[in-house]
C-alpha cells in the first residue's frame, strides 16, 4: 500500500507542479534524502502513520478534483487558484495544505467531499 501511494503521489506532484520543498511539507516533512529514497525504491519505504494519512488525504483530494472537474487540466490547476470559499479565505487550496498540519489537508479534502455531495454552496 505504501509503494502504490508513493507512486501515485509522485504522479500527482508532477501534475500539480509541486516543488520538492512543497512535496516534503505535504508528506509531513521527511528528510529530503528520505523522499528520494522513497522514490527510488517505494516498495522498501517504511511510512509512518502520519505520512500514510497524508497520502490518503492527498489521493482523496486528487480523486475528488477529477470527479468535480472532469477536464484534467482544470482539476490540476484548481489547487493553485485563489479560492473565496470559507476554508480558504482567498488563498489557494495548496496554500492551505502547505500550512503543514494534517488538519489543513483534511479541511481541503472535507471541503471537496462536501462539494461532491452538495453540502457547500
PDB file of N, CA and C in Angstrom:
ATOM      1  N   UNK A   1       0.813  -1.184   0.000  1.00  0.00           N
ATOM      2  CA  UNK A   1       0.000   0.000   0.000  1.00  0.00           C
ATOM      3  C   UNK A   1       0.864   1.259   0.000  1.00  0.00           C
ATOM      4  N   UNK A   2       1.936   1.260   0.765  1.00  0.00           N
ATOM      5  CA  UNK A   2       2.820   2.417   0.816  1.00  0.00           C
ATOM      6  C   UNK A   2       3.419   2.712  -0.550  1.00  0.00           C
ATOM      7  N   UNK A   3       3.884   1.661  -1.227  1.00  0.00           N
ATOM      8  CA  UNK A   3       4.536   1.844  -2.528  1.00  0.00           C
ATOM      9  C   UNK A   3       3.555   2.429  -3.539  1.00  0.00           C
ATOM     10  N   UNK A   4       2.344   1.897  -3.580  1.00  0.00           N
ATOM     11  CA  UNK A   4       1.343   2.409  -4.522  1.00  0.00           C
ATOM     12  C   UNK A   4       1.016   3.865  -4.214  1.00  0.00           C
ATOM     13  N   UNK A   5       0.869   4.201  -2.940  1.00  0.00           N
ATOM     14  CA  UNK A   5       0.580   5.575  -2.541  1.00  0.00           C
ATOM     15  C   UNK A   5       1.694   6.526  -2.931  1.00  0.00           C
ATOM     16  N   UNK A   6       2.926   6.097  -2.739  1.00  0.00           N
ATOM     17  CA  UNK A   6       4.064   6.944  -3.099  1.00  0.00           C
ATOM     18  C   UNK A   6       4.159   7.147  -4.601  1.00  0.00           C
ATOM     19  N   UNK A   7       3.924   6.090  -5.361  1.00  0.00           N
ATOM     20  CA  UNK A   7       3.960   6.226  -6.824  1.00  0.00           C
ATOM     21  C   UNK A   7       2.846   7.160  -7.297  1.00  0.00           C
ATOM     22  N   UNK A   8       1.668   7.022  -6.728  1.00  0.00           N
ATOM     23  CA  UNK A   8       0.553   7.902  -7.095  1.00  0.00           C
ATOM     24  C   UNK A   8       0.871   9.348  -6.714  1.00  0.00           C
ATOM     25  N   UNK A   9       1.442   9.542  -5.529  1.00  0.00           N
ATOM     26  CA  UNK A   9       1.789  10.894  -5.098  1.00  0.00           C
ATOM     27  C   UNK A   9       2.804  11.518  -6.039  1.00  0.00           C
ATOM     28  N   UNK A  10       3.759  10.749  -6.491  1.00  0.00           N
ATOM     29  CA  UNK A  10       4.768  11.288  -7.404  1.00  0.00           C
ATOM     30  C   UNK A  10       4.114  11.781  -8.702  1.00  0.00           C
ATOM     31  N   UNK A  11       3.140  11.041  -9.205  1.00  0.00           N
ATOM     32  CA  UNK A  11       2.421  11.470 -10.419  1.00  0.00           C
ATOM     33  C   UNK A  11       1.599  12.732 -10.142  1.00  0.00           C
ATOM     34  N   UNK A  12       0.926  12.760  -8.987  1.00  0.00           N
ATOM     35  CA  UNK A  12       0.133  13.939  -8.623  1.00  0.00           C
ATOM     36  C   UNK A  12       1.038  15.158  -8.467  1.00  0.00           C
ATOM     37  N   UNK A  13       2.172  14.974  -7.814  1.00  0.00           N
ATOM     38  CA  UNK A  13       3.116  16.079  -7.618  1.00  0.00           C
ATOM     39  C   UNK A  13       3.552  16.665  -8.963  1.00  0.00           C
ATOM     40  N   UNK A  14       3.769  15.809  -9.936  1.00  0.00           N
ATOM     41  CA  UNK A  14       4.149  16.289 -11.268  1.00  0.00           C
ATOM     42  C   UNK A  14       2.988  17.042 -11.913  1.00  0.00           C
ATOM     43  N   UNK A  15       1.784  16.504 -11.811  1.00  0.00           N
ATOM     44  CA  UNK A  15       0.608  17.153 -12.410  1.00  0.00           C
ATOM     45  C   UNK A  15       0.315  18.505 -11.768  1.00  0.00           C
ATOM     46  N   UNK A  16       0.518  18.594 -10.460  1.00  0.00           N
ATOM     47  CA  UNK A  16       0.251  19.841  -9.741  1.00  0.00           C
ATOM     48  C   UNK A  16       1.440  20.798  -9.793  1.00  0.00           C
ATOM     49  N   UNK A  17       2.552  20.361 -10.354  1.00  0.00           N
ATOM     50  CA  UNK A  17       3.744  21.210 -10.443  1.00  0.00           C
ATOM     51  C   UNK A  17       4.360  21.515  -9.092  1.00  0.00           C
ATOM     52  N   UNK A  18       4.357  20.519  -8.203  1.00  0.00           N
ATOM     53  CA  UNK A  18       4.885  20.728  -6.852  1.00  0.00           C
ATOM     54  C   UNK A  18       6.401  20.698  -6.838  1.00  0.00           C
ATOM     55  N   UNK A  19       6.987  21.648  -6.139  1.00  0.00           N
ATOM     56  CA  UNK A  19       8.432  21.626  -5.926  1.00  0.00           C
ATOM     57  C   UNK A  19       8.754  20.534  -4.911  1.00  0.00           C
ATOM     58  N   UNK A  20      10.019  20.188  -4.815  1.00  0.00           N
ATOM     59  CA  UNK A  20      10.436  19.192  -3.820  1.00  0.00           C
ATOM     60  C   UNK A  20      10.096  19.696  -2.418  1.00  0.00           C
ATOM     61  N   UNK A  21      10.324  20.974  -2.163  1.00  0.00           N
ATOM     62  CA  UNK A  21      10.014  21.520  -0.841  1.00  0.00           C
ATOM     63  C   UNK A  21       8.526  21.417  -0.528  1.00  0.00           C
ATOM     64  N   UNK A  22       7.674  21.688  -1.512  1.00  0.00           N
ATOM     65  CA  UNK A  22       6.232  21.551  -1.307  1.00  0.00           C
ATOM     66  C   UNK A  22       5.859  20.096  -1.043  1.00  0.00           C
ATOM     67  N   UNK A  23       6.459  19.186  -1.780  1.00  0.00           N
ATOM     68  CA  UNK A  23       6.193  17.767  -1.565  1.00  0.00           C
ATOM     69  C   UNK A  23       6.571  17.344  -0.152  1.00  0.00           C
ATOM     70  N   UNK A  24       7.698  17.833   0.310  1.00  0.00           N
ATOM     71  CA  UNK A  24       8.159  17.483   1.660  1.00  0.00           C
ATOM     72  C   UNK A  24       7.163  17.948   2.716  1.00  0.00           C
ATOM     73  N   UNK A  25       6.673  19.166   2.581  1.00  0.00           N
ATOM     74  CA  UNK A  25       5.700  19.691   3.550  1.00  0.00           C
ATOM     75  C   UNK A  25       4.430  18.846   3.523  1.00  0.00           C
ATOM     76  N   UNK A  26       3.933  18.560   2.316  1.00  0.00           N
ATOM     77  CA  UNK A  26       2.688  17.800   2.205  1.00  0.00           C
ATOM     78  C   UNK A  26       2.818  16.399   2.794  1.00  0.00           C
ATOM     79  N   UNK A  27       4.011  15.827   2.742  1.00  0.00           N
ATOM     80  CA  UNK A  27       4.227  14.477   3.274  1.00  0.00           C
ATOM     81  C   UNK A  27       4.609  14.476   4.754  1.00  0.00           C
ATOM     82  N   UNK A  28       4.629  15.644   5.376  1.00  0.00           N
ATOM     83  CA  UNK A  28       4.924  15.701   6.802  1.00  0.00           C
ATOM     84  C   UNK A  28       6.365  15.990   7.133  1.00  0.00           C
ATOM     85  N   UNK A  29       7.091  16.531   6.183  1.00  0.00           N
ATOM     86  CA  UNK A  29       8.474  16.960   6.358  1.00  0.00           C
ATOM     87  C   UNK A  29       9.477  15.841   6.642  1.00  0.00           C
ATOM     88  N   UNK A  30       9.440  14.770   5.841  1.00  0.00           N
ATOM     89  CA  UNK A  30      10.526  13.799   5.961  1.00  0.00           C
ATOM     90  C   UNK A  30      11.799  14.456   5.429  1.00  0.00           C
ATOM     91  N   UNK A  31      12.931  13.870   5.675  1.00  0.00           N
ATOM     92  CA  UNK A  31      14.167  14.412   5.127  1.00  0.00           C
ATOM     93  C   UNK A  31      14.166  14.329   3.607  1.00  0.00           C
ATOM     94  N   UNK A  32      14.881  15.240   3.009  1.00  0.00           N
ATOM     95  CA  UNK A  32      14.984  15.271   1.545  1.00  0.00           C
ATOM     96  C   UNK A  32      15.529  13.939   1.018  1.00  0.00           C
ATOM     97  N   UNK A  33      16.558  13.421   1.684  1.00  0.00           N
ATOM     98  CA  UNK A  33      17.140  12.145   1.242  1.00  0.00           C
ATOM     99  C   UNK A  33      16.141  11.004   1.409  1.00  0.00           C
ATOM    100  N   UNK A  34      15.279  11.103   2.419  1.00  0.00           N
ATOM    101  CA  UNK A  34      14.248  10.083   2.624  1.00  0.00           C
ATOM    102  C   UNK A  34      13.272  10.091   1.457  1.00  0.00           C
ATOM    103  N   UNK A  35      12.842  11.273   1.037  1.00  0.00           N
ATOM    104  CA  UNK A  35      11.923  11.374  -0.099  1.00  0.00           C
ATOM    105  C   UNK A  35      12.536  10.743  -1.339  1.00  0.00           C
ATOM    106  N   UNK A  36      13.800  11.036  -1.600  1.00  0.00           N
ATOM    107  CA  UNK A  36      14.440  10.482  -2.790  1.00  0.00           C
ATOM    108  C   UNK A  36      14.638   8.974  -2.675  1.00  0.00           C
ATOM    109  N   UNK A  37      14.867   8.480  -1.470  1.00  0.00           N
ATOM    110  CA  UNK A  37      14.960   7.028  -1.265  1.00  0.00           C
ATOM    111  C   UNK A  37      13.605   6.369  -1.516  1.00  0.00           C
ATOM    112  N   UNK A  38      12.524   7.023  -1.058  1.00  0.00           N
ATOM    113  CA  UNK A  38      11.174   6.509  -1.302  1.00  0.00           C
ATOM    114  C   UNK A  38      10.897   6.449  -2.798  1.00  0.00           C
ATOM    115  N   UNK A  39      11.315   7.466  -3.515  1.00  0.00           N
ATOM    116  CA  UNK A  39      11.086   7.488  -4.959  1.00  0.00           C
ATOM    117  C   UNK A  39      11.864   6.380  -5.664  1.00  0.00           C
ATOM    118  N   UNK A  40      13.090   6.178  -5.211  1.00  0.00           N
ATOM    119  CA  UNK A  40      13.955   5.189  -5.854  1.00  0.00           C
ATOM    120  C   UNK A  40      13.445   3.771  -5.624  1.00  0.00           C
ATOM    121  N   UNK A  41      12.999   3.496  -4.395  1.00  0.00           N
ATOM    122  CA  UNK A  41      12.535   2.154  -4.053  1.00  0.00           C
ATOM    123  C   UNK A  41      11.280   2.249  -3.176  1.00  0.00           C
ATOM    124  N   UNK A  42      10.148   2.607  -3.784  1.00  0.00           N
ATOM    125  CA  UNK A  42       8.933   2.790  -2.986  1.00  0.00           C
ATOM    126  C   UNK A  42       8.495   1.522  -2.252  1.00  0.00           C
ATOM    127  N   UNK A  43       8.801   0.372  -2.801  1.00  0.00           N
ATOM    128  CA  UNK A  43       8.394  -0.875  -2.157  1.00  0.00           C
ATOM    129  C   UNK A  43       9.156  -1.145  -0.864  1.00  0.00           C
ATOM    130  N   UNK A  44      10.253  -0.443  -0.633  1.00  0.00           N
ATOM    131  CA  UNK A  44      11.025  -0.611   0.599  1.00  0.00           C
ATOM    132  C   UNK A  44      10.755   0.503   1.616  1.00  0.00           C
ATOM    133  N   UNK A  45       9.869   1.415   1.272  1.00  0.00           N
ATOM    134  CA  UNK A  45       9.583   2.548   2.157  1.00  0.00           C
ATOM    135  C   UNK A  45       8.806   2.088   3.388  1.00  0.00           C
ATOM    136  N   UNK A  46       9.218   2.590   4.519  1.00  0.00           N
ATOM    137  CA  UNK A  46       8.503   2.355   5.776  1.00  0.00           C
ATOM    138  C   UNK A  46       7.912   3.698   6.197  1.00  0.00           C
ATOM    139  N   UNK A  47       6.632   3.855   5.912  1.00  0.00           N
ATOM    140  CA  UNK A  47       5.980   5.141   6.161  1.00  0.00           C
ATOM    141  C   UNK A  47       5.311   5.163   7.521  1.00  0.00           C
ATOM    142  N   UNK A  48       5.408   6.319   8.169  1.00  0.00           N
ATOM    143  CA  UNK A  48       4.731   6.499   9.449  1.00  0.00           C
ATOM    144  C   UNK A  48       3.229   6.592   9.217  1.00  0.00           C
ATOM    145  N   UNK A  49       2.482   6.434  10.276  1.00  0.00           N
ATOM    146  CA  UNK A  49       1.027   6.570  10.183  1.00  0.00           C
ATOM    147  C   UNK A  49       0.654   7.969   9.691  1.00  0.00           C
ATOM    148  N   UNK A  50       1.379   8.982  10.167  1.00  0.00           N
ATOM    149  CA  UNK A  50       1.137  10.354   9.742  1.00  0.00           C
ATOM    150  C   UNK A  50       1.301  10.492   8.228  1.00  0.00           C
ATOM    151  N   UNK A  51       2.382   9.950   7.697  1.00  0.00           N
ATOM    152  CA  UNK A  51       2.626  10.047   6.255  1.00  0.00           C
ATOM    153  C   UNK A  51       1.560   9.291   5.476  1.00  0.00           C
ATOM    154  N   UNK A  52       1.164   8.119   5.959  1.00  0.00           N
ATOM    155  CA  UNK A  52       0.111   7.353   5.293  1.00  0.00           C
ATOM    156  C   UNK A  52      -1.208   8.127   5.278  1.00  0.00           C
ATOM    157  N   UNK A  53      -1.536   8.790   6.382  1.00  0.00           N
ATOM    158  CA  UNK A  53      -2.757   9.581   6.439  1.00  0.00           C
ATOM    159  C   UNK A  53      -2.677  10.772   5.493  1.00  0.00           C
ATOM    160  N   UNK A  54      -1.508  11.377   5.415  1.00  0.00           N
ATOM    161  CA  UNK A  54      -1.315  12.491   4.488  1.00  0.00           C
ATOM    162  C   UNK A  54      -1.507  12.026   3.046  1.00  0.00           C
ATOM    163  N   UNK A  55      -0.906  10.889   2.713  1.00  0.00           N
ATOM    164  CA  UNK A  55      -1.077  10.334   1.373  1.00  0.00           C
ATOM    165  C   UNK A  55      -2.542  10.052   1.085  1.00  0.00           C
ATOM    166  N   UNK A  56      -3.244   9.493   2.050  1.00  0.00           N
ATOM    167  CA  UNK A  56      -4.658   9.198   1.878  1.00  0.00           C
ATOM    168  C   UNK A  56      -5.444  10.471   1.572  1.00  0.00           C
ATOM    169  N   UNK A  57      -5.182  11.525   2.324  1.00  0.00           N
ATOM    170  CA  UNK A  57      -5.865  12.799   2.083  1.00  0.00           C
ATOM    171  C   UNK A  57      -5.524  13.357   0.708  1.00  0.00           C
ATOM    172  N   UNK A  58      -4.252  13.319   0.343  1.00  0.00           N
ATOM    173  CA  UNK A  58      -3.839  13.862  -0.949  1.00  0.00           C
ATOM    174  C   UNK A  58      -4.447  13.087  -2.106  1.00  0.00           C
ATOM    175  N   UNK A  59      -4.480  11.760  -1.989  1.00  0.00           N
ATOM    176  CA  UNK A  59      -5.100  10.947  -3.033  1.00  0.00           C
ATOM    177  C   UNK A  59      -6.601  11.220  -3.097  1.00  0.00           C
ATOM    178  N   UNK A  60      -7.237  11.413  -1.947  1.00  0.00           N
ATOM    179  CA  UNK A  60      -8.656  11.747  -1.910  1.00  0.00           C
ATOM    180  C   UNK A  60      -8.938  13.096  -2.533  1.00  0.00           C
ATOM    181  N   UNK A  61      -8.070  14.065  -2.290  1.00  0.00           N
ATOM    182  CA  UNK A  61      -8.207  15.397  -2.885  1.00  0.00           C
ATOM    183  C   UNK A  61      -8.091  15.292  -4.404  1.00  0.00           C
ATOM    184  N   UNK A  62      -7.097  14.557  -4.855  1.00  0.00           N
ATOM    185  CA  UNK A  62      -6.913  14.384  -6.299  1.00  0.00           C
ATOM    186  C   UNK A  62      -8.142  13.722  -6.929  1.00  0.00           C
ATOM    187  N   UNK A  63      -8.610  12.652  -6.314  1.00  0.00           N
ATOM    188  CA  UNK A  63      -9.768  11.934  -6.854  1.00  0.00           C
ATOM    189  C   UNK A  63     -11.000  12.839  -6.901  1.00  0.00           C
ATOM    190  N   UNK A  64     -11.248  13.567  -5.825  1.00  0.00           N
ATOM    191  CA  UNK A  64     -12.411  14.456  -5.786  1.00  0.00           C
ATOM    192  C   UNK A  64     -12.336  15.501  -6.890  1.00  0.00           C
ATOM    193  N   UNK A  65     -11.150  16.041  -7.116  1.00  0.00           N
ATOM    194  CA  UNK A  65     -10.999  17.051  -8.171  1.00  0.00           C
ATOM    195  C   UNK A  65     -11.259  16.454  -9.552  1.00  0.00           C
ATOM    196  N   UNK A  66     -10.818  15.224  -9.760  1.00  0.00           N
ATOM    197  CA  UNK A  66     -11.042  14.568 -11.050  1.00  0.00           C
ATOM    198  C   UNK A  66     -12.533  14.328 -11.295  1.00  0.00           C
ATOM    199  N   UNK A  67     -13.269  14.072 -10.222  1.00  0.00           N
ATOM    200  CA  UNK A  67     -14.713  13.867 -10.347  1.00  0.00           C
ATOM    201  C   UNK A  67     -15.431  15.200 -10.560  1.00  0.00           C
ATOM    202  N   UNK A  68     -15.053  16.207  -9.769  1.00  0.00           N
ATOM    203  CA  UNK A  68     -15.724  17.508  -9.851  1.00  0.00           C
ATOM    204  C   UNK A  68     -15.398  18.272 -11.120  1.00  0.00           C
ATOM    205  N   UNK A  69     -14.157  18.136 -11.569  1.00  0.00           N
ATOM    206  CA  UNK A  69     -13.691  18.875 -12.751  1.00  0.00           C
ATOM    207  C   UNK A  69     -13.127  17.874 -13.751  1.00  0.00           C
ATOM    208  N   UNK A  70     -13.984  17.283 -14.569  1.00  0.00           N
ATOM    209  CA  UNK A  70     -13.531  16.238 -15.485  1.00  0.00           C
ATOM    210  C   UNK A  70     -12.442  16.676 -16.470  1.00  0.00           C
ATOM    211  N   UNK A  71     -12.289  17.990 -16.681  1.00  0.00           N
ATOM    212  CA  UNK A  71     -11.179  18.481 -17.501  1.00  0.00           C
ATOM    213  C   UNK A  71      -9.923  18.390 -16.633  1.00  0.00           C
ATOM    214  N   UNK A  72      -9.050  17.471 -16.972  1.00  0.00           N
ATOM    215  CA  UNK A  72      -7.877  17.189 -16.145  1.00  0.00           C
ATOM    216  C   UNK A  72      -7.046  18.435 -15.871  1.00  0.00           C
ATOM    217  N   UNK A  73      -6.833  19.259 -16.881  1.00  0.00           N
ATOM    218  CA  UNK A  73      -6.028  20.472 -16.695  1.00  0.00           C
ATOM    219  C   UNK A  73      -6.678  21.401 -15.676  1.00  0.00           C
ATOM    220  N   UNK A  74      -7.991  21.547 -15.743  1.00  0.00           N
ATOM    221  CA  UNK A  74      -8.703  22.402 -14.786  1.00  0.00           C
ATOM    222  C   UNK A  74      -8.624  21.821 -13.378  1.00  0.00           C
ATOM    223  N   UNK A  75      -8.760  20.513 -13.273  1.00  0.00           N
ATOM    224  CA  UNK A  75      -8.689  19.854 -11.967  1.00  0.00           C
ATOM    225  C   UNK A  75      -7.305  20.051 -11.345  1.00  0.00           C
ATOM    226  N   UNK A  76      -6.273  19.893 -12.154  1.00  0.00           N
ATOM    227  CA  UNK A  76      -4.910  20.039 -11.630  1.00  0.00           C
ATOM    228  C   UNK A  76      -4.566  21.490 -11.305  1.00  0.00           C
ATOM    229  N   UNK A  77      -5.124  22.431 -12.055  1.00  0.00           N
ATOM    230  CA  UNK A  77      -4.858  23.851 -11.808  1.00  0.00           C
ATOM    231  C   UNK A  77      -5.606  24.370 -10.589  1.00  0.00           C
ATOM    232  N   UNK A  78      -6.721  23.735 -10.217  1.00  0.00           N
ATOM    233  CA  UNK A  78      -7.571  24.201  -9.125  1.00  0.00           C
ATOM    234  C   UNK A  78      -6.793  24.389  -7.833  1.00  0.00           C
ATOM    235  N   UNK A  79      -5.855  23.521  -7.544  1.00  0.00           N
ATOM    236  CA  UNK A  79      -5.147  23.591  -6.256  1.00  0.00           C
ATOM    237  C   UNK A  79      -4.350  24.881  -6.097  1.00  0.00           C
ATOM    238  N   UNK A  80      -4.004  25.538  -7.193  1.00  0.00           N
ATOM    239  CA  UNK A  80      -3.193  26.760  -7.121  1.00  0.00           C
ATOM    240  C   UNK A  80      -4.014  28.043  -7.296  1.00  0.00           C
ATOM    241  N   UNK A  81      -5.270  27.895  -7.597  1.00  0.00           N
ATOM    242  CA  UNK A  81      -6.106  29.085  -7.826  1.00  0.00           C
ATOM    243  C   UNK A  81      -6.624  29.653  -6.511  1.00  0.00           C
ATOM    244  N   UNK A  82      -6.633  30.975  -6.376  1.00  0.00           N
ATOM    245  CA  UNK A  82      -7.239  31.580  -5.179  1.00  0.00           C
ATOM    246  C   UNK A  82      -8.699  31.148  -5.075  1.00  0.00           C
ATOM    247  N   UNK A  83      -9.146  30.963  -3.850  1.00  0.00           N
ATOM    248  CA  UNK A  83     -10.488  30.438  -3.630  1.00  0.00           C
ATOM    249  C   UNK A  83     -11.142  31.226  -2.499  1.00  0.00           C
ATOM    250  N   UNK A  84     -12.339  31.736  -2.752  1.00  0.00           N
ATOM    251  CA  UNK A  84     -13.031  32.541  -1.747  1.00  0.00           C
ATOM    252  C   UNK A  84     -13.904  31.706  -0.805  1.00  0.00           C
ATOM    253  N   UNK A  85     -13.969  30.400  -1.002  1.00  0.00           N
ATOM    254  CA  UNK A  85     -14.754  29.542  -0.098  1.00  0.00           C
ATOM    255  C   UNK A  85     -14.190  29.641   1.323  1.00  0.00           C
ATOM    256  N   UNK A  86     -15.048  29.431   2.280  1.00  0.00           N
ATOM    257  CA  UNK A  86     -14.695  29.612   3.698  1.00  0.00           C
ATOM    258  C   UNK A  86     -13.390  28.936   4.130  1.00  0.00           C
ATOM    259  N   UNK A  87     -13.113  27.706   3.743  1.00  0.00           N
ATOM    260  CA  UNK A  87     -11.874  27.087   4.239  1.00  0.00           C
ATOM    261  C   UNK A  87     -10.598  27.730   3.713  1.00  0.00           C
ATOM    262  N   UNK A  88     -10.707  28.582   2.688  1.00  0.00           N
ATOM    263  CA  UNK A  88      -9.507  29.101   2.042  1.00  0.00           C
ATOM    264  C   UNK A  88      -9.277  30.592   2.254  1.00  0.00           C
ATOM    265  N   UNK A  89     -10.339  31.349   2.474  1.00  0.00           N
ATOM    266  CA  UNK A  89     -10.192  32.777   2.746  1.00  0.00           C
ATOM    267  C   UNK A  89      -9.421  33.545   1.693  1.00  0.00           C
ATOM    268  N   UNK A  90      -9.642  33.205   0.417  1.00  0.00           N
ATOM    269  CA  UNK A  90      -8.958  33.906  -0.665  1.00  0.00           C
ATOM    270  C   UNK A  90      -7.635  33.284  -1.072  1.00  0.00           C
ATOM    271  N   UNK A  91      -7.152  32.357  -0.282  1.00  0.00           N
ATOM    272  CA  UNK A  91      -5.908  31.660  -0.622  1.00  0.00           C
ATOM    273  C   UNK A  91      -6.235  30.438  -1.477  1.00  0.00           C
ATOM    274  N   UNK A  92      -5.217  29.849  -2.043  1.00  0.00           N
ATOM    275  CA  UNK A  92      -5.429  28.619  -2.814  1.00  0.00           C
ATOM    276  C   UNK A  92      -5.488  27.425  -1.854  1.00  0.00           C
ATOM    277  N   UNK A  93      -6.028  26.334  -2.361  1.00  0.00           N
ATOM    278  CA  UNK A  93      -6.055  25.099  -1.574  1.00  0.00           C
ATOM    279  C   UNK A  93      -4.632  24.647  -1.262  1.00  0.00           C
ATOM    280  N   UNK A  94      -3.723  24.839  -2.212  1.00  0.00           N
ATOM    281  CA  UNK A  94      -2.341  24.438  -1.969  1.00  0.00           C
ATOM    282  C   UNK A  94      -1.738  25.247  -0.834  1.00  0.00           C
ATOM    283  N   UNK A  95      -2.011  26.545  -0.804  1.00  0.00           N
ATOM    284  CA  UNK A  95      -1.504  27.365   0.300  1.00  0.00           C
ATOM    285  C   UNK A  95      -2.030  26.839   1.628  1.00  0.00           C
ATOM    286  N   UNK A  96      -3.295  26.478   1.668  1.00  0.00           N
ATOM    287  CA  UNK A  96      -3.875  25.919   2.897  1.00  0.00           C
ATOM    288  C   UNK A  96      -3.173  24.618   3.265  1.00  0.00           C
ATOM    289  N   UNK A  97      -2.974  23.745   2.285  1.00  0.00           N
ATOM    290  CA  UNK A  97      -2.332  22.461   2.556  1.00  0.00           C
ATOM    291  C   UNK A  97      -0.884  22.630   2.992  1.00  0.00           C
ATOM    292  N   UNK A  98      -0.210  23.659   2.490  1.00  0.00           N
ATOM    293  CA  UNK A  98       1.194  23.877   2.816  1.00  0.00           C
ATOM    294  C   UNK A  98       1.400  24.500   4.198  1.00  0.00           C
ATOM    295  N   UNK A  99       0.319  24.765   4.911  1.00  0.00           N
ATOM    296  CA  UNK A  99       0.471  25.202   6.300  1.00  0.00           C
ATOM    297  C   UNK A  99       1.140  24.090   7.107  1.00  0.00           C
ATOM    298  N   UNK A 100       1.068  22.874   6.587  1.00  0.00           N
ATOM    299  CA  UNK A 100       1.831  21.776   7.155  1.00  0.00           C
ATOM    300  C   UNK A 100       1.113  20.887   8.139  1.00  0.00           C
ATOM    301  N   UNK A 101      -0.077  21.275   8.558  1.00  0.00           N
ATOM    302  CA  UNK A 101      -0.806  20.471   9.534  1.00  0.00           C
ATOM    303  C   UNK A 101      -1.702  19.458   8.834  1.00  0.00           C
ATOM    304  N   UNK A 102      -1.858  18.314   9.467  1.00  0.00           N
ATOM    305  CA  UNK A 102      -2.764  17.302   8.939  1.00  0.00           C
ATOM    306  C   UNK A 102      -4.169  17.887   8.808  1.00  0.00           C
ATOM    307  N   UNK A 103      -4.548  18.735   9.747  1.00  0.00           N
ATOM    308  CA  UNK A 103      -5.893  19.315   9.720  1.00  0.00           C
ATOM    309  C   UNK A 103      -6.121  20.163   8.469  1.00  0.00           C
ATOM    310  N   UNK A 104      -5.069  20.746   7.918  1.00  0.00           N
ATOM    311  CA  UNK A 104      -5.211  21.544   6.696  1.00  0.00           C
ATOM    312  C   UNK A 104      -5.499  20.644   5.494  1.00  0.00           C
ATOM    313  N   UNK A 105      -4.821  19.513   5.422  1.00  0.00           N
ATOM    314  CA  UNK A 105      -5.114  18.546   4.356  1.00  0.00           C
ATOM    315  C   UNK A 105      -6.534  18.025   4.503  1.00  0.00           C
ATOM    316  N   UNK A 106      -6.904  17.708   5.725  1.00  0.00           N
ATOM    317  CA  UNK A 106      -8.256  17.195   5.985  1.00  0.00           C
ATOM    318  C   UNK A 106      -9.313  18.219   5.633  1.00  0.00           C
ATOM    319  N   UNK A 107      -9.054  19.481   5.918  1.00  0.00           N
ATOM    320  CA  UNK A 107     -10.030  20.534   5.615  1.00  0.00           C
ATOM    321  C   UNK A 107     -10.272  20.636   4.110  1.00  0.00           C
ATOM    322  N   UNK A 108      -9.216  20.548   3.334  1.00  0.00           N
ATOM    323  CA  UNK A 108      -9.370  20.619   1.876  1.00  0.00           C
ATOM    324  C   UNK A 108     -10.140  19.394   1.387  1.00  0.00           C
ATOM    325  N   UNK A 109      -9.776  18.231   1.894  1.00  0.00           N
ATOM    326  CA  UNK A 109     -10.485  17.020   1.468  1.00  0.00           C
ATOM    327  C   UNK A 109     -11.956  17.064   1.879  1.00  0.00           C
ATOM    328  N   UNK A 110     -12.238  17.491   3.089  1.00  0.00           N
ATOM    329  CA  UNK A 110     -13.623  17.567   3.552  1.00  0.00           C
ATOM    330  C   UNK A 110     -14.423  18.564   2.727  1.00  0.00           C
ATOM    331  N   UNK A 111     -13.800  19.671   2.384  1.00  0.00           N
ATOM    332  CA  UNK A 111     -14.476  20.665   1.539  1.00  0.00           C
ATOM    333  C   UNK A 111     -14.859  20.039   0.198  1.00  0.00           C
ATOM    334  N   UNK A 112     -13.903  19.386  -0.447  1.00  0.00           N
ATOM    335  CA  UNK A 112     -14.183  18.782  -1.756  1.00  0.00           C
ATOM    336  C   UNK A 112     -15.208  17.662  -1.656  1.00  0.00           C
ATOM    337  N   UNK A 113     -15.119  16.857  -0.612  1.00  0.00           N
ATOM    338  CA  UNK A 113     -16.115  15.803  -0.425  1.00  0.00           C
ATOM    339  C   UNK A 113     -17.496  16.388  -0.216  1.00  0.00           C
ATOM    340  N   UNK A 114     -17.578  17.500   0.500  1.00  0.00           N
ATOM    341  CA  UNK A 114     -18.867  18.157   0.713  1.00  0.00           C
ATOM    342  C   UNK A 114     -19.408  18.733  -0.592  1.00  0.00           C
ATOM    343  N   UNK A 115     -18.544  19.321  -1.389  1.00  0.00           N
ATOM    344  CA  UNK A 115     -18.967  19.853  -2.688  1.00  0.00           C
ATOM    345  C   UNK A 115     -19.488  18.715  -3.554  1.00  0.00           C
ATOM    346  N   UNK A 116     -18.807  17.605  -3.534  1.00  0.00           N
ATOM    347  CA  UNK A 116     -19.252  16.443  -4.330  1.00  0.00           C
ATOM    348  C   UNK A 116     -20.612  15.969  -3.877  1.00  0.00           C
ATOM    349  N   UNK A 117     -20.859  16.065  -2.562  1.00  0.00           N
ATOM    350  CA  UNK A 117     -22.141  15.621  -2.027  1.00  0.00           C
ATOM    351  C   UNK A 117     -23.186  16.703  -1.979  1.00  0.00           C
ATOM    352  N   UNK A 118     -22.840  17.906  -2.417  1.00  0.00           N
ATOM    353  CA  UNK A 118     -23.808  19.004  -2.436  1.00  0.00           C
ATOM    354  C   UNK A 118     -23.921  19.739  -1.114  1.00  0.00           C
ATOM    355  N   UNK A 119     -22.951  19.559  -0.208  1.00  0.00           N
ATOM    356  CA  UNK A 119     -23.035  20.167   1.115  1.00  0.00           C
ATOM    357  C   UNK A 119     -22.565  21.604   1.210  1.00  0.00           C
ATOM    358  N   UNK A 120     -21.905  22.123   0.176  1.00  0.00           N
ATOM    359  CA  UNK A 120     -21.419  23.510   0.190  1.00  0.00           C
ATOM    360  C   UNK A 120     -22.060  24.261  -0.960  1.00  0.00           C
ATOM    361  N   UNK A 121     -22.282  25.524  -0.738  1.00  0.00           N
ATOM    362  CA  UNK A 121     -22.841  26.330  -1.823  1.00  0.00           C
ATOM    363  C   UNK A 121     -21.794  27.250  -2.391  1.00  0.00           C
TER     364      UNK A 121
END
